[in-house]
C-alpha atoms as a PDB file:
ATOM      1  CA  UNK A   1     124.762 112.284 156.463  1.00  0.00           C
ATOM      2  CA  UNK A   2     123.561 108.776 157.196  1.00  0.00           C
ATOM      3  CA  UNK A   3     121.643 107.173 159.976  1.00  0.00           C
ATOM      4  CA  UNK A   4     119.450 104.098 159.963  1.00  0.00           C
ATOM      5  CA  UNK A   5     115.780 103.577 160.717  1.00  0.00           C
ATOM      6  CA  UNK A   6     114.873 100.079 159.587  1.00  0.00           C
ATOM      7  CA  UNK A   7     111.902  98.034 160.638  1.00  0.00           C
ATOM      8  CA  UNK A   8     110.004  96.004 158.076  1.00  0.00           C
ATOM      9  CA  UNK A   9     107.029  95.541 160.417  1.00  0.00           C
ATOM     10  CA  UNK A  10     106.197  99.250 160.638  1.00  0.00           C
ATOM     11  CA  UNK A  11     104.034 100.717 157.851  1.00  0.00           C
ATOM     12  CA  UNK A  12     105.584 103.442 155.691  1.00  0.00           C
ATOM     13  CA  UNK A  13     103.879 106.614 154.443  1.00  0.00           C
ATOM     14  CA  UNK A  14     105.357 108.952 151.854  1.00  0.00           C
ATOM     15  CA  UNK A  15     104.641 112.636 152.490  1.00  0.00           C
ATOM     16  CA  UNK A  16     104.405 114.951 149.479  1.00  0.00           C
ATOM     17  CA  UNK A  17     104.846 118.703 149.556  1.00  0.00           C
ATOM     18  CA  UNK A  18     101.891 120.449 151.153  1.00  0.00           C
ATOM     19  CA  UNK A  19     100.954 117.534 153.408  1.00  0.00           C
ATOM     20  CA  UNK A  20     100.872 117.215 157.189  1.00  0.00           C
ATOM     21  CA  UNK A  21     100.609 113.812 158.840  1.00  0.00           C
ATOM     22  CA  UNK A  22     100.171 113.024 162.549  1.00  0.00           C
ATOM     23  CA  UNK A  23      99.981 109.407 163.749  1.00  0.00           C
ATOM     24  CA  UNK A  24      99.502 107.507 166.985  1.00  0.00           C
ATOM     25  CA  UNK A  25     100.546 104.125 165.626  1.00  0.00           C
ATOM     26  CA  UNK A  26     104.195 103.445 164.784  1.00  0.00           C
ATOM     27  CA  UNK A  27     104.801 104.615 161.222  1.00  0.00           C
ATOM     28  CA  UNK A  28     107.848 105.440 159.147  1.00  0.00           C
ATOM     29  CA  UNK A  29     107.114 108.727 157.398  1.00  0.00           C
ATOM     30  CA  UNK A  30     109.401 109.440 154.458  1.00  0.00           C
ATOM     31  CA  UNK A  31     109.910 112.337 152.082  1.00  0.00           C
ATOM     32  CA  UNK A  32     112.481 113.915 149.778  1.00  0.00           C
ATOM     33  CA  UNK A  33     113.556 117.520 150.274  1.00  0.00           C
ATOM     34  CA  UNK A  34     115.405 120.150 148.289  1.00  0.00           C
ATOM     35  CA  UNK A  35     114.611 123.754 149.212  1.00  0.00           C
ATOM     36  CA  UNK A  36     111.471 122.481 150.989  1.00  0.00           C
ATOM     37  CA  UNK A  37     111.431 121.932 154.739  1.00  0.00           C
ATOM     38  CA  UNK A  38     110.125 119.017 156.763  1.00  0.00           C
ATOM     39  CA  UNK A  39     109.654 119.307 160.515  1.00  0.00           C
ATOM     40  CA  UNK A  40     109.296 116.104 162.519  1.00  0.00           C
ATOM     41  CA  UNK A  41     107.627 116.426 165.916  1.00  0.00           C
ATOM     42  CA  UNK A  42     107.620 113.644 168.488  1.00  0.00           C
ATOM     43  CA  UNK A  43     106.045 113.579 171.920  1.00  0.00           C
ATOM     44  CA  UNK A  44     107.941 111.131 174.121  1.00  0.00           C
ATOM     45  CA  UNK A  45     105.134 110.897 176.674  1.00  0.00           C
ATOM     46  CA  UNK A  46     102.225 110.144 174.327  1.00  0.00           C
ATOM     47  CA  UNK A  47     104.382 108.625 171.549  1.00  0.00           C
ATOM     48  CA  UNK A  48     102.509 110.726 168.977  1.00  0.00           C
ATOM     49  CA  UNK A  49     104.566 111.734 165.970  1.00  0.00           C
ATOM     50  CA  UNK A  50     103.992 114.033 163.036  1.00  0.00           C
ATOM     51  CA  UNK A  51     105.678 115.584 160.038  1.00  0.00           C
ATOM     52  CA  UNK A  52     104.970 118.405 157.623  1.00  0.00           C
ATOM     53  CA  UNK A  53     106.521 119.198 154.245  1.00  0.00           C
ATOM     54  CA  UNK A  54     106.241 122.738 152.942  1.00  0.00           C
ATOM     55  CA  UNK A  55     107.444 124.517 149.819  1.00  0.00           C
ATOM     56  CA  UNK A  56     107.302 128.259 150.473  1.00  0.00           C
ATOM     57  CA  UNK A  57     107.957 130.269 153.642  1.00  0.00           C
ATOM     58  CA  UNK A  58     104.843 132.382 154.081  1.00  0.00           C
ATOM     59  CA  UNK A  59     101.302 132.599 152.810  1.00  0.00           C
ATOM     60  CA  UNK A  60     100.860 136.006 151.150  1.00  0.00           C
ATOM     61  CA  UNK A  61      97.080 136.163 151.645  1.00  0.00           C
ATOM     62  CA  UNK A  62      96.297 135.625 147.978  1.00  0.00           C
ATOM     63  CA  UNK A  63      94.364 132.491 147.081  1.00  0.00           C
ATOM     64  CA  UNK A  64      93.500 129.966 149.781  1.00  0.00           C
ATOM     65  CA  UNK A  65      95.791 129.327 152.731  1.00  0.00           C
ATOM     66  CA  UNK A  66      97.488 125.975 152.284  1.00  0.00           C
ATOM     67  CA  UNK A  67      99.981 123.707 154.024  1.00  0.00           C
ATOM     68  CA  UNK A  68     102.326 124.396 151.107  1.00  0.00           C
ATOM     69  CA  UNK A  69     103.265 127.537 153.073  1.00  0.00           C
ATOM     70  CA  UNK A  70     105.530 127.234 156.111  1.00  0.00           C
ATOM     71  CA  UNK A  71     103.619 129.525 158.441  1.00  0.00           C
ATOM     72  CA  UNK A  72     100.351 127.687 157.732  1.00  0.00           C
ATOM     73  CA  UNK A  73     101.928 124.227 157.787  1.00  0.00           C
ATOM     74  CA  UNK A  74     103.707 124.800 161.109  1.00  0.00           C
ATOM     75  CA  UNK A  75     100.459 125.930 162.772  1.00  0.00           C
ATOM     76  CA  UNK A  76      98.642 122.913 161.348  1.00  0.00           C
ATOM     77  CA  UNK A  77     101.286 120.430 162.536  1.00  0.00           C
ATOM     78  CA  UNK A  78     101.536 121.832 166.061  1.00  0.00           C
ATOM     79  CA  UNK A  79      97.757 122.202 166.505  1.00  0.00           C
ATOM     80  CA  UNK A  80      97.089 118.695 165.189  1.00  0.00           C
ATOM     81  CA  UNK A  81      99.734 117.203 167.504  1.00  0.00           C
ATOM     82  CA  UNK A  82      98.178 118.998 170.474  1.00  0.00           C
ATOM     83  CA  UNK A  83      94.605 118.065 169.504  1.00  0.00           C
ATOM     84  CA  UNK A  84      95.696 114.420 169.627  1.00  0.00           C
ATOM     85  CA  UNK A  85      97.115 114.834 173.151  1.00  0.00           C
ATOM     86  CA  UNK A  86     100.729 115.909 172.641  1.00  0.00           C
ATOM     87  CA  UNK A  87     102.025 118.729 174.840  1.00  0.00           C
ATOM     88  CA  UNK A  88     104.561 121.414 174.030  1.00  0.00           C
ATOM     89  CA  UNK A  89     106.665 120.546 177.079  1.00  0.00           C
ATOM     90  CA  UNK A  90     107.155 116.934 175.941  1.00  0.00           C
ATOM     91  CA  UNK A  91     107.511 117.551 172.192  1.00  0.00           C
ATOM     92  CA  UNK A  92     110.874 117.557 170.441  1.00  0.00           C
ATOM     93  CA  UNK A  93     111.506 118.823 166.914  1.00  0.00           C
ATOM     94  CA  UNK A  94     113.798 117.859 164.046  1.00  0.00           C
ATOM     95  CA  UNK A  95     114.176 120.312 161.117  1.00  0.00           C
ATOM     96  CA  UNK A  96     115.461 119.245 157.700  1.00  0.00           C
ATOM     97  CA  UNK A  97     115.809 120.584 154.154  1.00  0.00           C
ATOM     98  CA  UNK A  98     116.146 124.193 153.092  1.00  0.00           C
ATOM     99  CA  UNK A  99     118.892 123.458 150.585  1.00  0.00           C
ATOM    100  CA  UNK A 100     119.827 125.723 147.718  1.00  0.00           C
ATOM    101  CA  UNK A 101     120.375 123.231 144.897  1.00  0.00           C
ATOM    102  CA  UNK A 102     122.506 124.904 142.263  1.00  0.00           C
ATOM    103  CA  UNK A 103     120.207 124.147 139.328  1.00  0.00           C
ATOM    104  CA  UNK A 104     116.957 125.355 140.860  1.00  0.00           C
ATOM    105  CA  UNK A 105     115.306 128.778 140.864  1.00  0.00           C
ATOM    106  CA  UNK A 106     115.510 128.810 144.676  1.00  0.00           C
ATOM    107  CA  UNK A 107     119.110 130.019 144.291  1.00  0.00           C
ATOM    108  CA  UNK A 108     117.843 133.409 143.165  1.00  0.00           C
ATOM    109  CA  UNK A 109     114.897 133.503 145.526  1.00  0.00           C
ATOM    110  CA  UNK A 110     116.585 132.333 148.733  1.00  0.00           C
ATOM    111  CA  UNK A 111     113.641 130.005 149.342  1.00  0.00           C
ATOM    112  CA  UNK A 112     115.570 127.271 151.177  1.00  0.00           C
ATOM    113  CA  UNK A 113     117.041 129.487 153.907  1.00  0.00           C
ATOM    114  CA  UNK A 114     113.768 131.414 154.276  1.00  0.00           C
ATOM    115  CA  UNK A 115     111.862 128.143 154.707  1.00  0.00           C
ATOM    116  CA  UNK A 116     114.269 127.052 157.445  1.00  0.00           C
ATOM    117  CA  UNK A 117     113.877 130.398 159.222  1.00  0.00           C
ATOM    118  CA  UNK A 118     110.075 130.069 159.277  1.00  0.00           C
ATOM    119  CA  UNK A 119     110.274 126.598 160.851  1.00  0.00           C
ATOM    120  CA  UNK A 120     112.764 127.658 163.521  1.00  0.00           C
ATOM    121  CA  UNK A 121     110.796 130.819 164.357  1.00  0.00           C
ATOM    122  CA  UNK A 122     107.536 128.870 164.757  1.00  0.00           C
ATOM    123  CA  UNK A 123     109.135 126.264 167.019  1.00  0.00           C
ATOM    124  CA  UNK A 124     110.798 128.912 169.191  1.00  0.00           C
ATOM    125  CA  UNK A 125     107.517 130.830 169.502  1.00  0.00           C
ATOM    126  CA  UNK A 126     105.794 127.646 170.699  1.00  0.00           C
ATOM    127  CA  UNK A 127     108.619 126.720 173.085  1.00  0.00           C
ATOM    128  CA  UNK A 128     109.342 123.416 171.320  1.00  0.00           C
ATOM    129  CA  UNK A 129     113.051 122.525 171.407  1.00  0.00           C
ATOM    130  CA  UNK A 130     114.895 121.566 168.248  1.00  0.00           C
ATOM    131  CA  UNK A 131     116.969 118.463 169.002  1.00  0.00           C
ATOM    132  CA  UNK A 132     118.316 117.956 165.479  1.00  0.00           C
ATOM    133  CA  UNK A 133     118.678 120.188 162.457  1.00  0.00           C
ATOM    134  CA  UNK A 134     120.211 119.550 159.057  1.00  0.00           C
ATOM    135  CA  UNK A 135     119.403 122.511 156.814  1.00  0.00           C
ATOM    136  CA  UNK A 136     121.037 124.374 153.973  1.00  0.00           C
ATOM    137  CA  UNK A 137     123.696 123.051 151.675  1.00  0.00           C
ATOM    138  CA  UNK A 138     123.487 122.384 147.952  1.00  0.00           C
ATOM    139  CA  UNK A 139     122.083 118.833 147.887  1.00  0.00           C
ATOM    140  CA  UNK A 140     118.718 117.289 148.598  1.00  0.00           C
ATOM    141  CA  UNK A 141     117.871 115.006 151.507  1.00  0.00           C
ATOM    142  CA  UNK A 142     115.918 111.772 151.761  1.00  0.00           C
ATOM    143  CA  UNK A 143     114.288 111.616 155.183  1.00  0.00           C
ATOM    144  CA  UNK A 144     112.771 108.755 157.198  1.00  0.00           C
ATOM    145  CA  UNK A 145     111.058 109.512 160.513  1.00  0.00           C
ATOM    146  CA  UNK A 146     110.162 106.575 162.768  1.00  0.00           C
ATOM    147  CA  UNK A 147     107.277 107.604 164.989  1.00  0.00           C
ATOM    148  CA  UNK A 148     107.666 104.579 167.255  1.00  0.00           C
ATOM    149  CA  UNK A 149     110.733 106.126 168.894  1.00  0.00           C
ATOM    150  CA  UNK A 150     111.250 109.549 167.299  1.00  0.00           C
ATOM    151  CA  UNK A 151     114.380 108.485 165.407  1.00  0.00           C
ATOM    152  CA  UNK A 152     115.363 109.939 162.053  1.00  0.00           C
ATOM    153  CA  UNK A 153     117.450 108.672 159.141  1.00  0.00           C
ATOM    154  CA  UNK A 154     118.859 111.065 156.554  1.00  0.00           C
ATOM    155  CA  UNK A 155     120.625 110.506 153.287  1.00  0.00           C
ATOM    156  CA  UNK A 156     122.003 113.208 151.025  1.00  0.00           C
ATOM    157  CA  UNK A 157     120.815 112.706 147.458  1.00  0.00           C
ATOM    158  CA  UNK A 158     121.833 113.903 144.060  1.00  0.00           C
ATOM    159  CA  UNK A 159     119.453 116.644 143.052  1.00  0.00           C
ATOM    160  CA  UNK A 160     119.014 115.255 139.538  1.00  0.00           C
ATOM    161  CA  UNK A 161     117.720 111.933 140.897  1.00  0.00           C
ATOM    162  CA  UNK A 162     114.544 113.477 142.329  1.00  0.00           C
ATOM    163  CA  UNK A 163     114.265 116.943 140.835  1.00  0.00           C
ATOM    164  CA  UNK A 164     114.891 116.314 137.134  1.00  0.00           C
ATOM    165  CA  UNK A 165     118.145 115.696 135.372  1.00  0.00           C
ATOM    166  CA  UNK A 166     118.276 118.382 132.746  1.00  0.00           C
ATOM    167  CA  UNK A 167     121.344 120.107 131.462  1.00  0.00           C
ATOM    168  CA  UNK A 168     123.344 121.734 134.250  1.00  0.00           C
ATOM    169  CA  UNK A 169     121.871 119.613 137.028  1.00  0.00           C
ATOM    170  CA  UNK A 170     123.909 118.026 139.770  1.00  0.00           C
ATOM    171  CA  UNK A 171     124.664 114.341 139.191  1.00  0.00           C
END
């Protein structure tokens, strides 16, 4: 799946797993996803945009709560957007990732689909519509989210390029 978000005058930020970023100024937020999920939120009225990137569906209560967990990360993203002035009624969501790459342990654990379910459930509970979703499959995704207009660019990637290239990996 391809789409284009190009603007050399807008700063770019790379989001790693476990991070949440909300910005007021136009920014291109990028990340790479396999079984992880990224949710992009954009408020068309305030022009505030944000993205999370989480690894596991739910925090199990052991250790410290962290944005590496979908339930925690979704709360953090939505609350941060709202604390900056965004409103549920003017926010739109994009949900990406949740793949089951054939050479990763997530195949046995069902992590990708479970991650996607957590994101969708949280957005529905908050009344935030999902305007675009590209989840599942067997390949990773490179994502660019332009917070100046809420547009998204996706590119399917070979799993071995970003997630190791050992024996049995996709190439």
